[in-house]
Amino acid sequence: MPDTARYEPRSAFVELATASAKDLYRDRKGAFSILFTFFFFFLLIIGLNFVVNVGGREDPVVVIDSAVPQSAQIAGELESAGIVVAEAEEASATVTITAARNGVAIVLDAEADPKWLAVAAAVERTGTAYSVTDTDGEVWIDLLRANLAALSCIGLLAITFIGTSVPLTRMRENGTLRLLGTTPASKFTFIAALTPSRLIFALFVIVTIHATSMILGYSQLWQLFRLVFTMLLGVAMFFALAYLLASRTRRAETVNNLAAVLPVMAIFASGSVLPSHLIPEPVTWVLNCLPTTWYMRAAAADLAGDTTSAGLLFLYWGLMLVTTLAAGILAARMFIWDDRER
């Protein structure tokens, strides 16, 4: 008789990872909710940036002060971007670029209200630091660029906490983990098997942030490679913290409430909503100790051109790596299948 095909069991990790991916695929609503938070805030910031910095503004006419050392290079970048560069004596200018202590100052005519994002991008392509103010003294920022690191943090937090901690806690709550505890699979194998299917969503967030930064010229090519490492390290850290949170928690509602607060906390910790000088010093100290703050500052070094964070990048990487290892080890050791293990 011919040999019949026999099913060869795969490793416990592959079996559990496959089952987790199938469950996530069947739960379309849950899969959508994982990315909803990220896209909601992403589109919100894009809309705000358009309303504040683009909508209703007139095309700029730029004058470059002769005292600017890079005036010829900046003028070339402006002209290649299709921006009109006028002579100093022309009265039609709505944007003036003057020399400043650490670069150049882009001064907008407050009455003309010109578009300035393309002007700032052209200046940055020359490698020149800049600030943007208007003739009334008001400071202007690119809202999308300033919040891109926080947006990536929000997306990764939603994937790791809402999309991972909450379902894992719910499995303990409904008794599923008690049944899995009777199988030969180890706790570490089970925790690790939940990651691959959710890592796809994290990669989607990373690609979206990278594409936005590259298209809008926020980062140079070499910065994007460094940013990949920062974001992957952030993903690992957030997964480790999410597993640690869910290692013993029984009530999914509690984890879900905490996961809903984390994006708001991340936005406030980023400093883009409230300037640091308006926050009490004890609160600032606490925010500086949060892993989300380390991640956002490391990402801002390449997304927002934050030179201060760039100088401390290795410190942030070290803190994130130590947190990842410590939280991962604790999660594996503290994880319980059921309350009876307490």
C-alpha atoms as a PDB file:
ATOM      1  CA  MET A   1       0.000   0.000   0.000  1.00  0.00           C
ATOM      2  CA  PRO A   2       1.278   3.511  -0.769  1.00  0.00           C
ATOM      3  CA  ASP A   3       2.502   5.548   2.147  1.00  0.00           C
ATOM      4  CA  THR A   4      -0.093   7.972   3.331  1.00  0.00           C
ATOM      5  CA  ALA A   5       0.888  11.574   4.078  1.00  0.00           C
ATOM      6  CA  ARG A   6       1.390  12.065   7.737  1.00  0.00           C
ATOM      7  CA  TYR A   7       1.050  15.359   9.517  1.00  0.00           C
ATOM      8  CA  GLU A   8       4.338  16.457  10.954  1.00  0.00           C
ATOM      9  CA  PRO A   9       3.728  18.772  13.908  1.00  0.00           C
ATOM     10  CA  ARG A  10       5.592  22.053  13.745  1.00  0.00           C
ATOM     11  CA  SER A  11       7.315  23.731  16.651  1.00  0.00           C
ATOM     12  CA  ALA A  12       5.187  25.153  19.438  1.00  0.00           C
ATOM     13  CA  PHE A  13       6.236  28.687  18.480  1.00  0.00           C
ATOM     14  CA  VAL A  14       5.127  28.281  14.847  1.00  0.00           C
ATOM     15  CA  GLU A  15       1.826  26.679  15.846  1.00  0.00           C
ATOM     16  CA  LEU A  16       1.033  29.409  18.372  1.00  0.00           C
ATOM     17  CA  ALA A  17       2.164  32.228  16.050  1.00  0.00           C
ATOM     18  CA  THR A  18       0.001  30.824  13.236  1.00  0.00           C
ATOM     19  CA  ALA A  19      -3.016  30.546  15.534  1.00  0.00           C
ATOM     20  CA  SER A  20      -2.477  34.102  16.766  1.00  0.00           C
ATOM     21  CA  ALA A  21      -2.283  35.430  13.193  1.00  0.00           C
ATOM     22  CA  LYS A  22      -5.493  33.591  12.235  1.00  0.00           C
ATOM     23  CA  ASP A  23      -7.327  34.971  15.267  1.00  0.00           C
ATOM     24  CA  LEU A  24      -6.188  38.490  14.405  1.00  0.00           C
ATOM     25  CA  TYR A  25      -7.242  38.010  10.776  1.00  0.00           C
ATOM     26  CA  ARG A  26     -10.705  36.799  11.774  1.00  0.00           C
ATOM     27  CA  ASP A  27     -11.142  39.718  14.176  1.00  0.00           C
ATOM     28  CA  ARG A  28     -11.327  42.419  11.494  1.00  0.00           C
ATOM     29  CA  LYS A  29     -12.773  44.958  13.931  1.00  0.00           C
ATOM     30  CA  GLY A  30      -9.931  44.407  16.378  1.00  0.00           C
ATOM     31  CA  ALA A  31      -7.318  44.652  13.621  1.00  0.00           C
ATOM     32  CA  PHE A  32      -8.843  47.928  12.424  1.00  0.00           C
ATOM     33  CA  SER A  33      -8.906  49.386  15.935  1.00  0.00           C
ATOM     34  CA  ILE A  34      -5.158  48.754  16.290  1.00  0.00           C
ATOM     35  CA  LEU A  35      -4.362  51.252  13.519  1.00  0.00           C
ATOM     36  CA  PHE A  36      -7.351  53.557  14.045  1.00  0.00           C
ATOM     37  CA  THR A  37      -5.694  55.542  16.843  1.00  0.00           C
ATOM     38  CA  PHE A  38      -2.575  56.132  14.757  1.00  0.00           C
ATOM     39  CA  PHE A  39      -4.431  57.246  11.634  1.00  0.00           C
ATOM     40  CA  PHE A  40      -6.850  59.408  13.616  1.00  0.00           C
ATOM     41  CA  PHE A  41      -4.060  61.481  15.153  1.00  0.00           C
ATOM     42  CA  PHE A  42      -1.985  61.365  11.952  1.00  0.00           C
ATOM     43  CA  LEU A  43      -4.785  62.835   9.826  1.00  0.00           C
ATOM     44  CA  LEU A  44      -5.704  65.279  12.602  1.00  0.00           C
ATOM     45  CA  ILE A  45      -2.176  66.740  12.700  1.00  0.00           C
ATOM     46  CA  ILE A  46      -2.013  66.883   8.885  1.00  0.00           C
ATOM     47  CA  GLY A  47      -5.294  68.807   8.856  1.00  0.00           C
ATOM     48  CA  LEU A  48      -4.173  71.208  11.571  1.00  0.00           C
ATOM     49  CA  ASN A  49      -0.867  71.809   9.820  1.00  0.00           C
ATOM     50  CA  PHE A  50      -2.667  72.598   6.564  1.00  0.00           C
ATOM     51  CA  VAL A  51      -5.086  75.003   8.230  1.00  0.00           C
ATOM     52  CA  VAL A  52      -2.373  76.815  10.209  1.00  0.00           C
ATOM     53  CA  ASN A  53       0.537  76.851   7.767  1.00  0.00           C
ATOM     54  CA  VAL A  54      -0.871  76.406   4.245  1.00  0.00           C
ATOM     55  CA  GLY A  55      -4.549  77.250   3.802  1.00  0.00           C
ATOM     56  CA  GLY A  56      -5.371  80.829   2.812  1.00  0.00           C
ATOM     57  CA  ARG A  57      -1.729  81.909   2.539  1.00  0.00           C
ATOM     58  CA  GLU A  58      -0.209  83.538  -0.527  1.00  0.00           C
ATOM     59  CA  ASP A  59       2.847  82.331  -2.445  1.00  0.00           C
ATOM     60  CA  PRO A  60       6.058  83.711  -0.942  1.00  0.00           C
ATOM     61  CA  VAL A  61       8.430  86.216  -2.494  1.00  0.00           C
ATOM     62  CA  VAL A  62      11.779  85.834  -0.752  1.00  0.00           C
ATOM     63  CA  VAL A  63      14.555  88.343  -0.146  1.00  0.00           C
ATOM     64  CA  ILE A  64      17.912  87.080   1.160  1.00  0.00           C
ATOM     65  CA  ASP A  65      20.058  89.447   3.173  1.00  0.00           C
ATOM     66  CA  SER A  66      23.519  89.867   1.672  1.00  0.00           C
ATOM     67  CA  ALA A  67      25.014  89.174   5.124  1.00  0.00           C
ATOM     68  CA  VAL A  68      23.862  85.536   4.949  1.00  0.00           C
ATOM     69  CA  PRO A  69      26.988  83.442   4.179  1.00  0.00           C
ATOM     70  CA  GLN A  70      25.028  80.773   2.271  1.00  0.00           C
ATOM     71  CA  SER A  71      22.918  83.260   0.315  1.00  0.00           C
ATOM     72  CA  ALA A  72      23.866  81.916  -3.131  1.00  0.00           C
ATOM     73  CA  GLN A  73      23.265  78.312  -2.115  1.00  0.00           C
ATOM     74  CA  ILE A  74      19.930  79.122  -0.457  1.00  0.00           C
ATOM     75  CA  ALA A  75      18.835  81.155  -3.483  1.00  0.00           C
ATOM     76  CA  GLY A  76      19.617  78.200  -5.730  1.00  0.00           C
ATOM     77  CA  GLU A  77      17.548  75.835  -3.591  1.00  0.00           C
ATOM     78  CA  LEU A  78      14.644  78.307  -3.496  1.00  0.00           C
ATOM     79  CA  GLU A  79      14.645  78.773  -7.270  1.00  0.00           C
ATOM     80  CA  SER A  80      14.844  75.028  -7.885  1.00  0.00           C
ATOM     81  CA  ALA A  81      11.737  74.680  -5.680  1.00  0.00           C
ATOM     82  CA  GLY A  82       9.892  77.241  -7.814  1.00  0.00           C
ATOM     83  CA  ILE A  83       9.986  79.983  -5.178  1.00  0.00           C
ATOM     84  CA  VAL A  84      10.457  83.573  -6.360  1.00  0.00           C
ATOM     85  CA  VAL A  85      13.663  85.186  -5.075  1.00  0.00           C
ATOM     86  CA  ALA A  86      13.574  89.000  -5.291  1.00  0.00           C
ATOM     87  CA  GLU A  87      16.243  91.660  -4.986  1.00  0.00           C
ATOM     88  CA  ALA A  88      16.683  93.347  -1.637  1.00  0.00           C
ATOM     89  CA  GLU A  89      15.216  96.636  -2.785  1.00  0.00           C
ATOM     90  CA  GLU A  90      11.969  95.153  -4.083  1.00  0.00           C
ATOM     91  CA  ALA A  91       8.937  96.040  -1.963  1.00  0.00           C
ATOM     92  CA  SER A  92       6.946  92.954  -2.977  1.00  0.00           C
ATOM     93  CA  ALA A  93       8.938  90.608  -0.721  1.00  0.00           C
ATOM     94  CA  THR A  94       6.886  88.762   1.871  1.00  0.00           C
ATOM     95  CA  VAL A  95       9.667  86.590   3.368  1.00  0.00           C
ATOM     96  CA  THR A  96      13.078  87.841   4.477  1.00  0.00           C
ATOM     97  CA  ILE A  97      16.019  85.589   5.277  1.00  0.00           C
ATOM     98  CA  THR A  98      18.582  87.240   7.534  1.00  0.00           C
ATOM     99  CA  ALA A  99      21.725  86.072   9.292  1.00  0.00           C
ATOM    100  CA  ALA A 100      21.289  84.803  12.837  1.00  0.00           C
ATOM    101  CA  ARG A 101      23.604  83.590  15.579  1.00  0.00           C
ATOM    102  CA  ASN A 102      23.313  79.880  14.810  1.00  0.00           C
ATOM    103  CA  GLY A 103      22.134  79.983  11.213  1.00  0.00           C
ATOM    104  CA  VAL A 104      19.490  82.125   9.580  1.00  0.00           C
ATOM    105  CA  ALA A 105      16.198  83.705  10.605  1.00  0.00           C
ATOM    106  CA  ILE A 106      13.196  83.381   8.302  1.00  0.00           C
ATOM    107  CA  VAL A 107      10.994  86.417   8.940  1.00  0.00           C
ATOM    108  CA  LEU A 108       7.450  86.429   7.545  1.00  0.00           C
ATOM    109  CA  ASP A 109       5.424  89.520   6.731  1.00  0.00           C
ATOM    110  CA  ALA A 110       2.581  89.255   9.255  1.00  0.00           C
ATOM    111  CA  GLU A 111       0.193  91.221   7.049  1.00  0.00           C
ATOM    112  CA  ALA A 112       0.923  89.293   3.837  1.00  0.00           C
ATOM    113  CA  ASP A 113       0.747  85.923   5.654  1.00  0.00           C
ATOM    114  CA  PRO A 114       2.888  83.985   3.118  1.00  0.00           C
ATOM    115  CA  LYS A 115       3.424  80.241   2.804  1.00  0.00           C
ATOM    116  CA  TRP A 116       6.719  79.327   4.421  1.00  0.00           C
ATOM    117  CA  LEU A 117       7.043  75.539   4.680  1.00  0.00           C
ATOM    118  CA  ALA A 118       8.695  75.230   1.249  1.00  0.00           C
ATOM    119  CA  VAL A 119      11.043  78.115   2.099  1.00  0.00           C
ATOM    120  CA  ALA A 120      12.136  76.388   5.318  1.00  0.00           C
ATOM    121  CA  ALA A 121      12.615  73.089   3.467  1.00  0.00           C
ATOM    122  CA  ALA A 122      14.840  74.801   0.890  1.00  0.00           C
ATOM    123  CA  VAL A 123      16.959  76.385   3.636  1.00  0.00           C
ATOM    124  CA  GLU A 124      17.318  73.060   5.425  1.00  0.00           C
ATOM    125  CA  ARG A 125      18.539  71.325   2.273  1.00  0.00           C
ATOM    126  CA  THR A 126      21.587  73.576   2.452  1.00  0.00           C
ATOM    127  CA  GLY A 127      22.357  72.256   5.930  1.00  0.00           C
ATOM    128  CA  THR A 128      21.641  75.616   7.549  1.00  0.00           C
ATOM    129  CA  ALA A 129      19.854  75.889  10.892  1.00  0.00           C
ATOM    130  CA  TYR A 130      16.894  78.253  10.917  1.00  0.00           C
ATOM    131  CA  SER A 131      14.075  79.727  12.959  1.00  0.00           C
ATOM    132  CA  VAL A 132      10.748  81.081  11.687  1.00  0.00           C
ATOM    133  CA  THR A 133       9.058  84.157  13.108  1.00  0.00           C
ATOM    134  CA  ASP A 134       6.855  86.914  11.699  1.00  0.00           C
ATOM    135  CA  THR A 135       7.151  90.679  11.926  1.00  0.00           C
ATOM    136  CA  ASP A 136       4.871  90.639  15.000  1.00  0.00           C
ATOM    137  CA  GLY A 137       7.333  88.371  16.816  1.00  0.00           C
ATOM    138  CA  GLU A 138       5.186  85.212  16.677  1.00  0.00           C
ATOM    139  CA  VAL A 139       7.074  81.930  16.300  1.00  0.00           C
ATOM    140  CA  TRP A 140       5.877  79.477  13.640  1.00  0.00           C
ATOM    141  CA  ILE A 141       6.497  75.727  13.557  1.00  0.00           C
ATOM    142  CA  ASP A 142       5.737  72.894  11.182  1.00  0.00           C
ATOM    143  CA  LEU A 143       3.095  71.077  13.242  1.00  0.00           C
ATOM    144  CA  LEU A 144       3.427  67.815  11.309  1.00  0.00           C
ATOM    145  CA  ARG A 145       7.179  67.687  11.636  1.00  0.00           C
ATOM    146  CA  ALA A 146       7.131  68.662  15.304  1.00  0.00           C
ATOM    147  CA  ASN A 147       4.640  65.866  16.080  1.00  0.00           C
ATOM    148  CA  LEU A 148       5.885  63.115  13.765  1.00  0.00           C
ATOM    149  CA  ALA A 149       7.903  61.401  16.516  1.00  0.00           C
ATOM    150  CA  ALA A 150       4.894  61.556  18.864  1.00  0.00           C
ATOM    151  CA  LEU A 151       2.632  60.166  16.115  1.00  0.00           C
ATOM    152  CA  SER A 152       4.930  57.199  15.608  1.00  0.00           C
ATOM    153  CA  CYS A 153       4.939  56.635  19.385  1.00  0.00           C
ATOM    154  CA  ILE A 154       1.128  56.713  19.470  1.00  0.00           C
ATOM    155  CA  GLY A 155       0.925  54.160  16.656  1.00  0.00           C
ATOM    156  CA  LEU A 156       3.377  51.770  18.297  1.00  0.00           C
ATOM    157  CA  LEU A 157       1.699  52.131  21.701  1.00  0.00           C
ATOM    158  CA  ALA A 158      -1.678  51.297  20.168  1.00  0.00           C
ATOM    159  CA  ILE A 159      -0.264  48.161  18.531  1.00  0.00           C
ATOM    160  CA  THR A 160       1.573  46.898  21.595  1.00  0.00           C
ATOM    161  CA  PHE A 161      -0.894  47.812  24.340  1.00  0.00           C
ATOM    162  CA  ILE A 162      -4.362  47.969  22.745  1.00  0.00           C
ATOM    163  CA  GLY A 163      -3.531  45.268  20.216  1.00  0.00           C
ATOM    164  CA  THR A 164      -1.467  42.981  22.468  1.00  0.00           C
ATOM    165  CA  SER A 165      -1.862  43.609  26.222  1.00  0.00           C
ATOM    166  CA  VAL A 166      -5.656  43.850  26.098  1.00  0.00           C
ATOM    167  CA  PRO A 167      -6.256  40.595  24.123  1.00  0.00           C
ATOM    168  CA  LEU A 168      -3.700  38.754  26.268  1.00  0.00           C
ATOM    169  CA  THR A 169      -5.396  39.874  29.475  1.00  0.00           C
ATOM    170  CA  ARG A 170      -8.796  38.960  28.034  1.00  0.00           C
ATOM    171  CA  MET A 171      -7.510  35.433  27.356  1.00  0.00           C
ATOM    172  CA  ARG A 172      -6.662  35.089  31.025  1.00  0.00           C
ATOM    173  CA  GLU A 173     -10.009  36.585  31.986  1.00  0.00           C
ATOM    174  CA  ASN A 174     -12.051  34.113  29.928  1.00  0.00           C
ATOM    175  CA  GLY A 175      -9.967  31.073  30.902  1.00  0.00           C
ATOM    176  CA  THR A 176      -8.166  30.497  27.596  1.00  0.00           C
ATOM    177  CA  LEU A 177      -4.733  30.835  29.196  1.00  0.00           C
ATOM    178  CA  ARG A 178      -5.681  28.210  31.775  1.00  0.00           C
ATOM    179  CA  LEU A 179      -6.212  25.708  28.960  1.00  0.00           C
ATOM    180  CA  LEU A 180      -2.999  26.734  27.190  1.00  0.00           C
ATOM    181  CA  GLY A 181      -1.169  26.188  30.461  1.00  0.00           C
ATOM    182  CA  THR A 182      -1.884  22.461  30.167  1.00  0.00           C
ATOM    183  CA  THR A 183       0.099  22.243  26.900  1.00  0.00           C
ATOM    184  CA  PRO A 184       3.877  21.693  26.683  1.00  0.00           C
ATOM    185  CA  ALA A 185       4.420  25.256  25.408  1.00  0.00           C
ATOM    186  CA  SER A 186       6.515  27.407  27.717  1.00  0.00           C
ATOM    187  CA  LYS A 187       5.421  30.824  28.882  1.00  0.00           C
ATOM    188  CA  PHE A 188       8.192  32.550  26.942  1.00  0.00           C
ATOM    189  CA  THR A 189       7.258  30.686  23.748  1.00  0.00           C
ATOM    190  CA  PHE A 190       3.627  31.713  24.100  1.00  0.00           C
ATOM    191  CA  ILE A 191       4.481  35.387  24.721  1.00  0.00           C
ATOM    192  CA  ALA A 192       6.925  35.506  21.814  1.00  0.00           C
ATOM    193  CA  ALA A 193       4.401  33.844  19.474  1.00  0.00           C
ATOM    194  CA  LEU A 194       1.993  36.772  19.830  1.00  0.00           C
ATOM    195  CA  THR A 195       4.539  39.176  18.365  1.00  0.00           C
ATOM    196  CA  PRO A 196       4.988  38.305  14.625  1.00  0.00           C
ATOM    197  CA  SER A 197       1.407  39.015  13.507  1.00  0.00           C
ATOM    198  CA  ARG A 198       1.380  42.337  15.342  1.00  0.00           C
ATOM    199  CA  LEU A 199       4.847  43.246  14.123  1.00  0.00           C
ATOM    200  CA  ILE A 200       3.332  43.630  10.641  1.00  0.00           C
ATOM    201  CA  PHE A 201       1.212  46.525  11.940  1.00  0.00           C
ATOM    202  CA  ALA A 202       4.293  48.075  13.571  1.00  0.00           C
ATOM    203  CA  LEU A 203       6.189  47.871  10.280  1.00  0.00           C
ATOM    204  CA  PHE A 204       3.252  49.605   8.587  1.00  0.00           C
ATOM    205  CA  VAL A 205       3.544  52.514  11.035  1.00  0.00           C
ATOM    206  CA  ILE A 206       7.315  52.664  10.503  1.00  0.00           C
ATOM    207  CA  VAL A 207       6.935  52.722   6.706  1.00  0.00           C
ATOM    208  CA  THR A 208       4.260  55.461   6.916  1.00  0.00           C
ATOM    209  CA  ILE A 209       6.461  57.670   9.098  1.00  0.00           C
ATOM    210  CA  HIS A 210       9.510  57.091   6.887  1.00  0.00           C
ATOM    211  CA  ALA A 211       7.576  57.821   3.699  1.00  0.00           C
ATOM    212  CA  THR A 212       6.178  61.050   5.152  1.00  0.00           C
ATOM    213  CA  SER A 213       9.599  62.184   6.323  1.00  0.00           C
ATOM    214  CA  MET A 214      11.231  61.359   2.986  1.00  0.00           C
ATOM    215  CA  ILE A 215       8.513  62.924   0.785  1.00  0.00           C
ATOM    216  CA  LEU A 216       8.420  66.160   2.796  1.00  0.00           C
ATOM    217  CA  GLY A 217      12.195  66.338   3.112  1.00  0.00           C
ATOM    218  CA  TYR A 218      12.298  66.209   6.891  1.00  0.00           C
ATOM    219  CA  SER A 219      15.198  63.730   7.013  1.00  0.00           C
ATOM    220  CA  GLN A 220      18.305  63.016   4.994  1.00  0.00           C
ATOM    221  CA  LEU A 221      18.883  59.506   3.656  1.00  0.00           C
ATOM    222  CA  TRP A 222      21.496  58.652   6.285  1.00  0.00           C
ATOM    223  CA  GLN A 223      19.114  59.819   9.004  1.00  0.00           C
ATOM    224  CA  LEU A 224      16.418  57.429   7.779  1.00  0.00           C
ATOM    225  CA  PHE A 225      18.738  54.449   8.352  1.00  0.00           C
ATOM    226  CA  ARG A 226      19.431  55.655  11.893  1.00  0.00           C
ATOM    227  CA  LEU A 227      15.713  56.235  12.400  1.00  0.00           C
ATOM    228  CA  VAL A 228      14.964  52.616  11.444  1.00  0.00           C
ATOM    229  CA  PHE A 229      17.130  51.418  14.332  1.00  0.00           C
ATOM    230  CA  THR A 230      15.470  53.856  16.747  1.00  0.00           C
ATOM    231  CA  MET A 231      11.968  52.762  15.767  1.00  0.00           C
ATOM    232  CA  LEU A 232      12.743  49.027  15.818  1.00  0.00           C
ATOM    233  CA  LEU A 233      14.299  49.423  19.266  1.00  0.00           C
ATOM    234  CA  GLY A 234      11.189  51.341  20.303  1.00  0.00           C
ATOM    235  CA  VAL A 235       8.949  48.550  19.015  1.00  0.00           C
ATOM    236  CA  ALA A 236      10.902  45.983  21.035  1.00  0.00           C
ATOM    237  CA  MET A 237      10.712  48.150  24.170  1.00  0.00           C
ATOM    238  CA  PHE A 238       6.974  48.761  23.868  1.00  0.00           C
ATOM    239  CA  PHE A 239       6.278  45.056  23.263  1.00  0.00           C
ATOM    240  CA  ALA A 240       8.325  44.152  26.355  1.00  0.00           C
ATOM    241  CA  LEU A 241       6.457  46.703  28.485  1.00  0.00           C
ATOM    242  CA  ALA A 242       3.104  45.549  27.097  1.00  0.00           C
ATOM    243  CA  TYR A 243       3.847  41.919  27.968  1.00  0.00           C
ATOM    244  CA  LEU A 244       5.007  42.961  31.426  1.00  0.00           C
ATOM    245  CA  LEU A 245       1.737  44.826  32.010  1.00  0.00           C
ATOM    246  CA  ALA A 246      -0.303  41.818  30.894  1.00  0.00           C
ATOM    247  CA  SER A 247       1.831  39.220  32.664  1.00  0.00           C
ATOM    248  CA  ARG A 248      -0.408  39.127  35.768  1.00  0.00           C
ATOM    249  CA  THR A 249      -3.313  41.480  35.126  1.00  0.00           C
ATOM    250  CA  ARG A 250      -6.699  39.776  35.047  1.00  0.00           C
ATOM    251  CA  ARG A 251      -9.134  42.535  34.064  1.00  0.00           C
ATOM    252  CA  ALA A 252      -8.959  43.510  30.388  1.00  0.00           C
ATOM    253  CA  GLU A 253     -10.984  46.642  31.075  1.00  0.00           C
ATOM    254  CA  THR A 254      -8.255  47.990  33.359  1.00  0.00           C
ATOM    255  CA  VAL A 255      -5.563  47.454  30.717  1.00  0.00           C
ATOM    256  CA  ASN A 256      -7.803  48.939  28.030  1.00  0.00           C
ATOM    257  CA  ASN A 257      -8.358  52.105  30.093  1.00  0.00           C
ATOM    258  CA  LEU A 258      -4.619  52.478  30.649  1.00  0.00           C
ATOM    259  CA  ALA A 259      -3.908  51.887  26.953  1.00  0.00           C
ATOM    260  CA  ALA A 260      -6.374  54.648  26.063  1.00  0.00           C
ATOM    261  CA  VAL A 261      -4.536  57.125  28.301  1.00  0.00           C
ATOM    262  CA  LEU A 262      -1.061  56.336  26.968  1.00  0.00           C
ATOM    263  CA  PRO A 263      -1.406  58.190  23.599  1.00  0.00           C
ATOM    264  CA  VAL A 264      -2.560  61.349  25.393  1.00  0.00           C
ATOM    265  CA  MET A 265       0.330  61.024  27.839  1.00  0.00           C
ATOM    266  CA  ALA A 266       2.735  60.582  24.920  1.00  0.00           C
ATOM    267  CA  ILE A 267       1.479  63.762  23.235  1.00  0.00           C
ATOM    268  CA  PHE A 268       1.900  65.835  26.411  1.00  0.00           C
ATOM    269  CA  ALA A 269       5.297  64.309  27.162  1.00  0.00           C
ATOM    270  CA  SER A 270       6.519  65.247  23.682  1.00  0.00           C
ATOM    271  CA  GLY A 271       6.396  68.970  24.557  1.00  0.00           C
ATOM    272  CA  SER A 272       4.526  69.880  21.361  1.00  0.00           C
ATOM    273  CA  VAL A 273       1.263  70.664  23.197  1.00  0.00           C
ATOM    274  CA  LEU A 274       2.638  72.470  26.238  1.00  0.00           C
ATOM    275  CA  PRO A 275       6.106  74.083  26.108  1.00  0.00           C
ATOM    276  CA  SER A 276       8.452  72.718  28.750  1.00  0.00           C
ATOM    277  CA  HIS A 277       8.708  76.087  30.547  1.00  0.00           C
ATOM    278  CA  LEU A 278       4.960  75.963  31.301  1.00  0.00           C
ATOM    279  CA  ILE A 279       5.179  72.556  33.009  1.00  0.00           C
ATOM    280  CA  PRO A 280       6.132  72.406  36.716  1.00  0.00           C
ATOM    281  CA  GLU A 281       9.648  71.105  37.291  1.00  0.00           C
ATOM    282  CA  PRO A 282       8.592  67.963  39.228  1.00  0.00           C
ATOM    283  CA  VAL A 283       6.225  67.013  36.385  1.00  0.00           C
ATOM    284  CA  THR A 284       8.978  67.644  33.841  1.00  0.00           C
ATOM    285  CA  TRP A 285      11.311  65.356  35.796  1.00  0.00           C
ATOM    286  CA  VAL A 286       8.699  62.579  35.779  1.00  0.00           C
ATOM    287  CA  LEU A 287       8.066  62.995  32.037  1.00  0.00           C
ATOM    288  CA  ASN A 288      11.802  62.809  31.353  1.00  0.00           C
ATOM    289  CA  CYS A 289      11.906  59.422  33.073  1.00  0.00           C
ATOM    290  CA  LEU A 290       9.205  57.867  30.867  1.00  0.00           C
ATOM    291  CA  PRO A 291      10.307  55.335  28.197  1.00  0.00           C
ATOM    292  CA  THR A 292       7.954  57.051  25.749  1.00  0.00           C
ATOM    293  CA  THR A 293       9.919  60.289  26.200  1.00  0.00           C
ATOM    294  CA  TRP A 294      13.216  58.503  25.480  1.00  0.00           C
ATOM    295  CA  TYR A 295      11.786  57.047  22.310  1.00  0.00           C
ATOM    296  CA  MET A 296      10.249  60.304  21.067  1.00  0.00           C
ATOM    297  CA  ARG A 297      13.407  62.290  21.665  1.00  0.00           C
ATOM    298  CA  ALA A 298      15.523  59.694  19.885  1.00  0.00           C
ATOM    299  CA  ALA A 299      13.111  59.714  16.933  1.00  0.00           C
ATOM    300  CA  ALA A 300      12.928  63.529  16.941  1.00  0.00           C
ATOM    301  CA  ALA A 301      16.688  63.669  16.350  1.00  0.00           C
ATOM    302  CA  ASP A 302      16.049  62.475  12.790  1.00  0.00           C
ATOM    303  CA  LEU A 303      12.430  63.497  12.207  1.00  0.00           C
ATOM    304  CA  ALA A 304      12.420  67.012  13.651  1.00  0.00           C
ATOM    305  CA  GLY A 305      16.095  67.916  13.377  1.00  0.00           C
ATOM    306  CA  ASP A 306      16.405  68.142  17.167  1.00  0.00           C
ATOM    307  CA  THR A 307      20.134  68.744  17.648  1.00  0.00           C
ATOM    308  CA  THR A 308      19.918  68.416  21.439  1.00  0.00           C
ATOM    309  CA  SER A 309      18.381  64.952  21.164  1.00  0.00           C
ATOM    310  CA  ALA A 310      20.898  63.989  18.467  1.00  0.00           C
ATOM    311  CA  GLY A 311      23.716  64.668  20.935  1.00  0.00           C
ATOM    312  CA  LEU A 312      22.073  62.357  23.499  1.00  0.00           C
ATOM    313  CA  LEU A 313      21.020  59.675  21.020  1.00  0.00           C
ATOM    314  CA  PHE A 314      23.310  56.949  22.381  1.00  0.00           C
ATOM    315  CA  LEU A 315      22.030  57.647  25.909  1.00  0.00           C
ATOM    316  CA  TYR A 316      18.424  57.209  24.743  1.00  0.00           C
ATOM    317  CA  TRP A 317      19.317  54.030  22.856  1.00  0.00           C
ATOM    318  CA  GLY A 318      21.025  52.650  25.967  1.00  0.00           C
ATOM    319  CA  LEU A 319      18.037  53.434  28.198  1.00  0.00           C
ATOM    320  CA  MET A 320      15.642  51.844  25.701  1.00  0.00           C
ATOM    321  CA  LEU A 321      17.793  48.721  25.357  1.00  0.00           C
ATOM    322  CA  VAL A 322      18.103  48.248  29.133  1.00  0.00           C
ATOM    323  CA  THR A 323      14.349  48.766  29.543  1.00  0.00           C
ATOM    324  CA  THR A 324      13.621  46.228  26.790  1.00  0.00           C
ATOM    325  CA  LEU A 325      15.817  43.549  28.351  1.00  0.00           C
ATOM    326  CA  ALA A 326      14.606  44.184  31.912  1.00  0.00           C
ATOM    327  CA  ALA A 327      10.905  44.294  30.991  1.00  0.00           C
ATOM    328  CA  GLY A 328      11.195  41.248  28.726  1.00  0.00           C
ATOM    329  CA  ILE A 329      12.901  39.139  31.381  1.00  0.00           C
ATOM    330  CA  LEU A 330      10.441  40.230  34.067  1.00  0.00           C
ATOM    331  CA  ALA A 331       7.471  39.524  31.788  1.00  0.00           C
ATOM    332  CA  ALA A 332       8.680  35.980  31.106  1.00  0.00           C
ATOM    333  CA  ARG A 333       9.356  35.290  34.800  1.00  0.00           C
ATOM    334  CA  MET A 334       6.202  36.906  36.200  1.00  0.00           C
ATOM    335  CA  PHE A 335       3.754  35.625  33.571  1.00  0.00           C
ATOM    336  CA  ILE A 336       1.005  33.391  34.943  1.00  0.00           C
ATOM    337  CA  TRP A 337      -1.530  31.263  33.090  1.00  0.00           C
ATOM    338  CA  ASP A 338      -4.157  31.624  35.775  1.00  0.00           C
ATOM    339  CA  ASP A 339      -4.744  33.249  39.168  1.00  0.00           C
ATOM    340  CA  ARG A 340      -4.177  29.915  40.873  1.00  0.00           C
ATOM    341  CA  GLU A 341      -0.450  30.309  40.168  1.00  0.00           C
ATOM    342  CA  ARG A 342      -0.205  33.373  42.410  1.00  0.00           C
END
